Amino acid sequence: MPALENLGLEDLRTLAVKTFRQGGGSRPDVLLVRSGNEAAVLKDYGRADPWFRRLVGPLSARREARALEQLRGVRGVPRLLCRVGSDALLLEYVPGASAREVPPGGLTPQFFERFYRLVERLHEAGVAHCDLRSTGNILIGADGEPHAVDFAAHFRRGRSWNPVSRWMYAKFCEADRVAVARLKKTHAPELLNEAEMQALARDRKTWLERGARLIGKSVRNLSRWLLTKKA
């Protein structure tokens, strides 16, 4: 059989052996596909609701693909193998478990050191993840290394002549670092340093960040209401 990257969408879907996330509404299918010794993750917006798929799905797939291309070679980021049509991405499969599956206290000090280094590598490459608060987007590989997945919400560093975009990028980078501190608070609160505790306190109190999260949530909810089927 041809390599997975050379297969079309329908052929790839017939090779699905596991569903990580069921598509529908504004959500893509996320499937593990396997052929012989090859395995990959298929992220397919084609199973979102029709209006969302037509208007937002291709944009979301293209936008995430651009971020992954920018992060190509960054350790801890699954490789983009290829785009599949306009609605889907084929991604490197990283065996392991999500941080959501790890019970409190189950992550080591070494993991957090590596996770901070991963976040810094993302930012040095010009990409803020923006959704590391969702622990399902943090994978612990079979080798214990952290990986960041699902860059649908990312924000890229603006050009030097765009101070507003650069300021927003700095804020989103700070939010990524706070997400690491939040995870550390859950699993190893005794390891929190003074800077992390202050960052967590600012995160609770800053009206700007609370307002930004509220606006973002409202926009997502409005998009889903307008573009997805009602039950």
C-alpha atoms as a PDB file:
ATOM      1  CA  MET A   1       0.000   0.000   0.000  1.00  0.00           C
ATOM      2  CA  PRO A   2       1.252   3.555  -0.700  1.00  0.00           C
ATOM      3  CA  ALA A   3       2.610   5.654   2.162  1.00  0.00           C
ATOM      4  CA  LEU A   4      -0.084   7.329   4.240  1.00  0.00           C
ATOM      5  CA  GLU A   5       0.917  10.769   2.911  1.00  0.00           C
ATOM      6  CA  ASN A   6       0.052   9.609  -0.612  1.00  0.00           C
ATOM      7  CA  LEU A   7      -3.489   8.494   0.188  1.00  0.00           C
ATOM      8  CA  GLY A   8      -6.683  10.476  -0.279  1.00  0.00           C
ATOM      9  CA  LEU A   9      -9.064  11.395   2.498  1.00  0.00           C
ATOM     10  CA  GLU A  10     -11.529   8.549   2.048  1.00  0.00           C
ATOM     11  CA  ASP A  11      -8.744   5.964   1.862  1.00  0.00           C
ATOM     12  CA  LEU A  12      -7.231   7.367   5.047  1.00  0.00           C
ATOM     13  CA  ARG A  13     -10.568   7.229   6.835  1.00  0.00           C
ATOM     14  CA  THR A  14     -10.936   3.532   6.004  1.00  0.00           C
ATOM     15  CA  LEU A  15      -7.651   2.959   7.868  1.00  0.00           C
ATOM     16  CA  ALA A  16      -8.879   4.554  11.119  1.00  0.00           C
ATOM     17  CA  VAL A  17      -8.306   2.295  14.122  1.00  0.00           C
ATOM     18  CA  LYS A  18      -9.147   4.730  16.924  1.00  0.00           C
ATOM     19  CA  THR A  19     -11.190   7.899  17.397  1.00  0.00           C
ATOM     20  CA  PHE A  20      -9.538  10.463  19.649  1.00  0.00           C
ATOM     21  CA  ARG A  21     -12.360  12.960  19.150  1.00  0.00           C
ATOM     22  CA  GLN A  22     -15.676  12.675  17.345  1.00  0.00           C
ATOM     23  CA  GLY A  23     -16.417  15.426  14.846  1.00  0.00           C
ATOM     24  CA  GLY A  24     -19.606  17.467  14.780  1.00  0.00           C
ATOM     25  CA  GLY A  25     -20.673  21.042  15.400  1.00  0.00           C
ATOM     26  CA  SER A  26     -17.463  23.064  15.122  1.00  0.00           C
ATOM     27  CA  ARG A  27     -15.215  20.131  15.995  1.00  0.00           C
ATOM     28  CA  PRO A  28     -13.154  18.039  13.565  1.00  0.00           C
ATOM     29  CA  ASP A  29     -12.788  14.291  13.645  1.00  0.00           C
ATOM     30  CA  VAL A  30      -9.416  13.340  15.138  1.00  0.00           C
ATOM     31  CA  LEU A  31      -8.522   9.778  14.161  1.00  0.00           C
ATOM     32  CA  LEU A  32      -5.586   7.425  14.492  1.00  0.00           C
ATOM     33  CA  VAL A  33      -4.953   5.826  11.106  1.00  0.00           C
ATOM     34  CA  ARG A  34      -2.667   2.869  10.639  1.00  0.00           C
ATOM     35  CA  SER A  35      -1.297   0.899   7.698  1.00  0.00           C
ATOM     36  CA  GLY A  36       1.268  -1.796   8.424  1.00  0.00           C
ATOM     37  CA  ASN A  37       4.001  -0.200  10.511  1.00  0.00           C
ATOM     38  CA  GLU A  38       2.874   3.338   9.672  1.00  0.00           C
ATOM     39  CA  ALA A  39       0.632   5.388  11.956  1.00  0.00           C
ATOM     40  CA  ALA A  40      -0.544   8.992  11.791  1.00  0.00           C
ATOM     41  CA  VAL A  41      -3.256  11.278  13.128  1.00  0.00           C
ATOM     42  CA  LEU A  42      -5.939  12.543  10.751  1.00  0.00           C
ATOM     43  CA  LYS A  43      -7.643  15.801  11.745  1.00  0.00           C
ATOM     44  CA  ASP A  44     -10.668  16.184   9.474  1.00  0.00           C
ATOM     45  CA  TYR A  45     -13.001  19.199   9.543  1.00  0.00           C
ATOM     46  CA  GLY A  46     -15.085  17.515   6.867  1.00  0.00           C
ATOM     47  CA  ARG A  47     -17.217  15.965   9.607  1.00  0.00           C
ATOM     48  CA  ALA A  48     -18.088  19.313  11.216  1.00  0.00           C
ATOM     49  CA  ASP A  49     -21.549  20.755  10.548  1.00  0.00           C
ATOM     50  CA  PRO A  50     -22.063  21.863   6.910  1.00  0.00           C
ATOM     51  CA  TRP A  51     -21.947  25.653   7.276  1.00  0.00           C
ATOM     52  CA  PHE A  52     -18.997  25.531   9.653  1.00  0.00           C
ATOM     53  CA  ARG A  53     -17.194  23.109   7.342  1.00  0.00           C
ATOM     54  CA  ARG A  54     -17.705  25.330   4.297  1.00  0.00           C
ATOM     55  CA  LEU A  55     -16.866  28.683   5.873  1.00  0.00           C
ATOM     56  CA  VAL A  56     -14.449  27.932   8.706  1.00  0.00           C
ATOM     57  CA  GLY A  57     -13.077  24.410   8.234  1.00  0.00           C
ATOM     58  CA  PRO A  58     -10.685  25.148   5.332  1.00  0.00           C
ATOM     59  CA  LEU A  59      -9.498  28.333   7.049  1.00  0.00           C
ATOM     60  CA  SER A  60      -8.850  26.459  10.311  1.00  0.00           C
ATOM     61  CA  ALA A  61      -6.960  23.675   8.535  1.00  0.00           C
ATOM     62  CA  ARG A  62      -4.856  26.131   6.513  1.00  0.00           C
ATOM     63  CA  ARG A  63      -4.115  28.284   9.555  1.00  0.00           C
ATOM     64  CA  GLU A  64      -2.990  25.346  11.700  1.00  0.00           C
ATOM     65  CA  ALA A  65      -0.889  23.986   8.837  1.00  0.00           C
ATOM     66  CA  ARG A  66       0.958  27.322   8.596  1.00  0.00           C
ATOM     67  CA  ALA A  67       1.758  27.217  12.313  1.00  0.00           C
ATOM     68  CA  LEU A  68       3.024  23.641  12.086  1.00  0.00           C
ATOM     69  CA  GLU A  69       5.196  24.511   9.095  1.00  0.00           C
ATOM     70  CA  GLN A  70       6.666  27.391  11.089  1.00  0.00           C
ATOM     71  CA  LEU A  71       7.354  24.972  13.956  1.00  0.00           C
ATOM     72  CA  ARG A  72       8.822  22.237  11.758  1.00  0.00           C
ATOM     73  CA  GLY A  73      11.881  20.802  13.472  1.00  0.00           C
ATOM     74  CA  VAL A  74      10.906  22.072  16.929  1.00  0.00           C
ATOM     75  CA  ARG A  75      11.261  19.201  19.354  1.00  0.00           C
ATOM     76  CA  GLY A  76       7.971  18.396  21.075  1.00  0.00           C
ATOM     77  CA  VAL A  77       5.701  19.436  18.173  1.00  0.00           C
ATOM     78  CA  PRO A  78       4.217  16.671  15.987  1.00  0.00           C
ATOM     79  CA  ARG A  79       5.222  17.099  12.346  1.00  0.00           C
ATOM     80  CA  LEU A  80       2.714  18.062   9.709  1.00  0.00           C
ATOM     81  CA  LEU A  81       2.971  15.197   7.226  1.00  0.00           C
ATOM     82  CA  CYS A  82       0.693  16.804   4.646  1.00  0.00           C
ATOM     83  CA  ARG A  83      -2.583  18.574   4.042  1.00  0.00           C
ATOM     84  CA  VAL A  84      -5.343  16.300   2.784  1.00  0.00           C
ATOM     85  CA  GLY A  85      -7.624  18.312   0.552  1.00  0.00           C
ATOM     86  CA  SER A  86      -8.839  21.616   1.958  1.00  0.00           C
ATOM     87  CA  ASP A  87     -10.389  20.317   5.180  1.00  0.00           C
ATOM     88  CA  ALA A  88      -7.922  17.884   6.738  1.00  0.00           C
ATOM     89  CA  LEU A  89      -4.393  17.527   8.086  1.00  0.00           C
ATOM     90  CA  LEU A  90      -2.275  14.397   8.438  1.00  0.00           C
ATOM     91  CA  LEU A  91       0.004  14.642  11.472  1.00  0.00           C
ATOM     92  CA  GLU A  92       2.783  12.654  13.060  1.00  0.00           C
ATOM     93  CA  TYR A  93       1.452  10.235  15.684  1.00  0.00           C
ATOM     94  CA  VAL A  94       3.055  10.556  19.118  1.00  0.00           C
ATOM     95  CA  PRO A  95       2.340   7.522  21.337  1.00  0.00           C
ATOM     96  CA  GLY A  96       1.656   8.460  24.933  1.00  0.00           C
ATOM     97  CA  ALA A  97      -1.014   9.900  27.211  1.00  0.00           C
ATOM     98  CA  SER A  98      -2.479  13.364  27.635  1.00  0.00           C
ATOM     99  CA  ALA A  99      -1.891  15.318  30.827  1.00  0.00           C
ATOM    100  CA  ARG A 100      -5.659  15.087  31.357  1.00  0.00           C
ATOM    101  CA  GLU A 101      -5.234  11.349  31.960  1.00  0.00           C
ATOM    102  CA  VAL A 102      -2.513  11.759  34.593  1.00  0.00           C
ATOM    103  CA  PRO A 103      -3.779  11.825  38.204  1.00  0.00           C
ATOM    104  CA  PRO A 104      -2.736  14.764  40.433  1.00  0.00           C
ATOM    105  CA  GLY A 105       0.845  14.346  41.559  1.00  0.00           C
ATOM    106  CA  GLY A 106       1.714  12.140  38.604  1.00  0.00           C
ATOM    107  CA  LEU A 107       4.092  14.537  36.819  1.00  0.00           C
ATOM    108  CA  THR A 108       7.725  14.877  37.856  1.00  0.00           C
ATOM    109  CA  PRO A 109       9.918  17.963  38.365  1.00  0.00           C
ATOM    110  CA  GLN A 110      11.910  16.865  35.300  1.00  0.00           C
ATOM    111  CA  PHE A 111       8.730  16.918  33.216  1.00  0.00           C
ATOM    112  CA  PHE A 112       8.029  20.541  34.136  1.00  0.00           C
ATOM    113  CA  GLU A 113      11.588  21.585  33.328  1.00  0.00           C
ATOM    114  CA  ARG A 114      11.198  20.006  29.881  1.00  0.00           C
ATOM    115  CA  PHE A 115       7.736  21.477  29.413  1.00  0.00           C
ATOM    116  CA  TYR A 116       9.003  25.000  30.108  1.00  0.00           C
ATOM    117  CA  ARG A 117      11.797  24.437  27.584  1.00  0.00           C
ATOM    118  CA  LEU A 118       9.236  23.275  25.015  1.00  0.00           C
ATOM    119  CA  VAL A 119       7.113  26.393  25.551  1.00  0.00           C
ATOM    120  CA  GLU A 120      10.192  28.584  25.156  1.00  0.00           C
ATOM    121  CA  ARG A 121      11.052  26.804  21.891  1.00  0.00           C
ATOM    122  CA  LEU A 122       7.553  27.546  20.576  1.00  0.00           C
ATOM    123  CA  HIS A 123       7.902  31.215  21.459  1.00  0.00           C
ATOM    124  CA  GLU A 124      11.404  31.485  20.003  1.00  0.00           C
ATOM    125  CA  ALA A 125       9.961  30.113  16.756  1.00  0.00           C
ATOM    126  CA  GLY A 126       7.299  32.839  16.820  1.00  0.00           C
ATOM    127  CA  VAL A 127       4.208  30.847  17.855  1.00  0.00           C
ATOM    128  CA  ALA A 128       2.131  31.072  21.042  1.00  0.00           C
ATOM    129  CA  HIS A 129      -0.049  28.000  21.540  1.00  0.00           C
ATOM    130  CA  CYS A 130      -2.899  29.838  23.351  1.00  0.00           C
ATOM    131  CA  ASP A 131      -4.704  26.696  24.559  1.00  0.00           C
ATOM    132  CA  LEU A 132      -2.340  24.902  26.931  1.00  0.00           C
ATOM    133  CA  ARG A 133      -4.881  25.367  29.712  1.00  0.00           C
ATOM    134  CA  SER A 134      -6.669  22.472  28.062  1.00  0.00           C
ATOM    135  CA  THR A 135      -4.631  19.577  29.406  1.00  0.00           C
ATOM    136  CA  GLY A 136      -5.798  17.401  26.518  1.00  0.00           C
ATOM    137  CA  ASN A 137      -3.413  19.455  24.355  1.00  0.00           C
ATOM    138  CA  ILE A 138      -0.393  18.374  26.409  1.00  0.00           C
ATOM    139  CA  LEU A 139       0.951  14.905  25.666  1.00  0.00           C
ATOM    140  CA  ILE A 140       3.465  12.920  27.664  1.00  0.00           C
ATOM    141  CA  GLY A 141       5.268  10.752  25.150  1.00  0.00           C
ATOM    142  CA  ALA A 142       6.245   7.150  25.770  1.00  0.00           C
ATOM    143  CA  ASP A 143       9.754   8.489  26.490  1.00  0.00           C
ATOM    144  CA  GLY A 144       8.409  10.930  29.103  1.00  0.00           C
ATOM    145  CA  GLU A 145       8.967  13.989  26.901  1.00  0.00           C
ATOM    146  CA  PRO A 146       6.241  16.673  26.719  1.00  0.00           C
ATOM    147  CA  HIS A 147       4.537  17.441  23.416  1.00  0.00           C
ATOM    148  CA  ALA A 148       2.120  20.225  22.487  1.00  0.00           C
ATOM    149  CA  VAL A 149      -0.713  19.382  20.087  1.00  0.00           C
ATOM    150  CA  ASP A 150      -3.720  21.137  18.535  1.00  0.00           C
ATOM    151  CA  PHE A 151      -2.504  24.537  17.355  1.00  0.00           C
ATOM    152  CA  ALA A 152      -5.935  25.634  16.116  1.00  0.00           C
ATOM    153  CA  ALA A 153      -6.014  28.570  18.571  1.00  0.00           C
ATOM    154  CA  HIS A 154      -2.394  29.694  18.101  1.00  0.00           C
ATOM    155  CA  PHE A 155      -1.195  33.278  17.680  1.00  0.00           C
ATOM    156  CA  ARG A 156       1.900  34.110  15.654  1.00  0.00           C
ATOM    157  CA  ARG A 157       4.383  36.869  16.406  1.00  0.00           C
ATOM    158  CA  GLY A 158       3.664  40.003  14.392  1.00  0.00           C
ATOM    159  CA  ARG A 159       6.158  41.969  12.357  1.00  0.00           C
ATOM    160  CA  SER A 160       8.306  44.588  14.046  1.00  0.00           C
ATOM    161  CA  TRP A 161       6.232  47.439  12.574  1.00  0.00           C
ATOM    162  CA  ASN A 162       3.054  46.131  14.247  1.00  0.00           C
ATOM    163  CA  PRO A 163       3.335  47.005  17.963  1.00  0.00           C
ATOM    164  CA  VAL A 164      -0.244  45.965  18.768  1.00  0.00           C
ATOM    165  CA  SER A 165       0.291  42.481  17.370  1.00  0.00           C
ATOM    166  CA  ARG A 166       3.642  42.200  19.178  1.00  0.00           C
ATOM    167  CA  TRP A 167       2.004  43.261  22.453  1.00  0.00           C
ATOM    168  CA  MET A 168      -0.757  40.687  21.989  1.00  0.00           C
ATOM    169  CA  TYR A 169       1.826  38.033  21.182  1.00  0.00           C
ATOM    170  CA  ALA A 170       3.686  38.789  24.414  1.00  0.00           C
ATOM    171  CA  LYS A 171       0.429  38.439  26.367  1.00  0.00           C
ATOM    172  CA  PHE A 172      -0.361  35.096  24.751  1.00  0.00           C
ATOM    173  CA  CYS A 173       3.174  33.874  25.488  1.00  0.00           C
ATOM    174  CA  GLU A 174       2.657  34.832  29.115  1.00  0.00           C
ATOM    175  CA  ALA A 175      -0.631  32.900  29.096  1.00  0.00           C
ATOM    176  CA  ASP A 176       1.248  29.812  27.840  1.00  0.00           C
ATOM    177  CA  ARG A 177       3.709  30.105  30.718  1.00  0.00           C
ATOM    178  CA  VAL A 178       0.871  30.550  33.205  1.00  0.00           C
ATOM    179  CA  ALA A 179      -0.707  27.364  31.825  1.00  0.00           C
ATOM    180  CA  VAL A 180       2.482  25.492  32.745  1.00  0.00           C
ATOM    181  CA  ALA A 181       2.345  26.992  36.240  1.00  0.00           C
ATOM    182  CA  ARG A 182      -1.317  25.962  36.579  1.00  0.00           C
ATOM    183  CA  LEU A 183      -0.425  22.398  35.645  1.00  0.00           C
ATOM    184  CA  LYS A 184       2.433  22.464  38.154  1.00  0.00           C
ATOM    185  CA  LYS A 185       0.042  23.734  40.834  1.00  0.00           C
ATOM    186  CA  THR A 186      -2.141  20.677  40.219  1.00  0.00           C
ATOM    187  CA  HIS A 187       0.646  18.110  40.185  1.00  0.00           C
ATOM    188  CA  ALA A 188       3.505  19.557  42.228  1.00  0.00           C
ATOM    189  CA  PRO A 189       2.460  22.745  44.083  1.00  0.00           C
ATOM    190  CA  GLU A 190       5.522  22.490  46.311  1.00  0.00           C
ATOM    191  CA  LEU A 191       7.663  23.221  43.229  1.00  0.00           C
ATOM    192  CA  LEU A 192       6.033  26.589  42.469  1.00  0.00           C
ATOM    193  CA  ASN A 193       8.510  29.447  42.750  1.00  0.00           C
ATOM    194  CA  GLU A 194       7.710  33.038  43.653  1.00  0.00           C
ATOM    195  CA  ALA A 195       7.513  34.198  40.036  1.00  0.00           C
ATOM    196  CA  GLU A 196       5.034  31.433  39.188  1.00  0.00           C
ATOM    197  CA  MET A 197       2.853  32.208  42.208  1.00  0.00           C
ATOM    198  CA  GLN A 198       2.799  35.886  41.240  1.00  0.00           C
ATOM    199  CA  ALA A 199       1.910  34.967  37.648  1.00  0.00           C
ATOM    200  CA  LEU A 200      -0.966  32.797  38.876  1.00  0.00           C
ATOM    201  CA  ALA A 201      -2.196  35.640  41.085  1.00  0.00           C
ATOM    202  CA  ARG A 202      -2.090  38.085  38.149  1.00  0.00           C
ATOM    203  CA  ASP A 203      -3.913  35.573  36.008  1.00  0.00           C
ATOM    204  CA  ARG A 204      -6.801  35.522  38.471  1.00  0.00           C
ATOM    205  CA  LYS A 205      -6.982  39.285  38.892  1.00  0.00           C
ATOM    206  CA  THR A 206      -6.197  40.878  35.522  1.00  0.00           C
ATOM    207  CA  TRP A 207      -9.416  42.295  34.080  1.00  0.00           C
ATOM    208  CA  LEU A 208      -7.879  42.526  30.612  1.00  0.00           C
ATOM    209  CA  GLU A 209      -7.156  38.811  30.399  1.00  0.00           C
ATOM    210  CA  ARG A 210     -10.530  37.895  31.901  1.00  0.00           C
ATOM    211  CA  GLY A 211     -12.197  40.179  29.360  1.00  0.00           C
ATOM    212  CA  ALA A 212     -10.198  38.700  26.481  1.00  0.00           C
ATOM    213  CA  ARG A 213     -11.192  35.179  27.503  1.00  0.00           C
ATOM    214  CA  LEU A 214     -14.846  36.244  27.772  1.00  0.00           C
ATOM    215  CA  ILE A 215     -14.769  37.850  24.315  1.00  0.00           C
ATOM    216  CA  GLY A 216     -13.071  34.800  22.814  1.00  0.00           C
ATOM    217  CA  LYS A 217     -15.607  32.460  24.362  1.00  0.00           C
ATOM    218  CA  SER A 218     -18.496  34.649  23.167  1.00  0.00           C
ATOM    219  CA  VAL A 219     -17.162  34.715  19.594  1.00  0.00           C
ATOM    220  CA  ARG A 220     -16.748  30.926  19.580  1.00  0.00           C
ATOM    221  CA  ASN A 221     -20.247  30.415  20.948  1.00  0.00           C
ATOM    222  CA  LEU A 222     -21.733  32.833  18.394  1.00  0.00           C
ATOM    223  CA  SER A 223     -19.904  31.069  15.548  1.00  0.00           C
ATOM    224  CA  ARG A 224     -21.199  27.719  16.703  1.00  0.00           C
ATOM    225  CA  TRP A 225     -24.733  29.067  17.050  1.00  0.00           C
ATOM    226  CA  LEU A 226     -24.710  30.570  13.553  1.00  0.00           C
ATOM    227  CA  LEU A 227     -22.802  27.874  11.692  1.00  0.00           C
ATOM    228  CA  THR A 228     -23.710  24.569  13.311  1.00  0.00           C
ATOM    229  CA  LYS A 229     -26.896  22.573  13.443  1.00  0.00           C
ATOM    230  CA  LYS A 230     -29.179  22.979  16.425  1.00  0.00           C
ATOM    231  CA  ALA A 231     -30.252  19.898  18.330  1.00  0.00           C
END
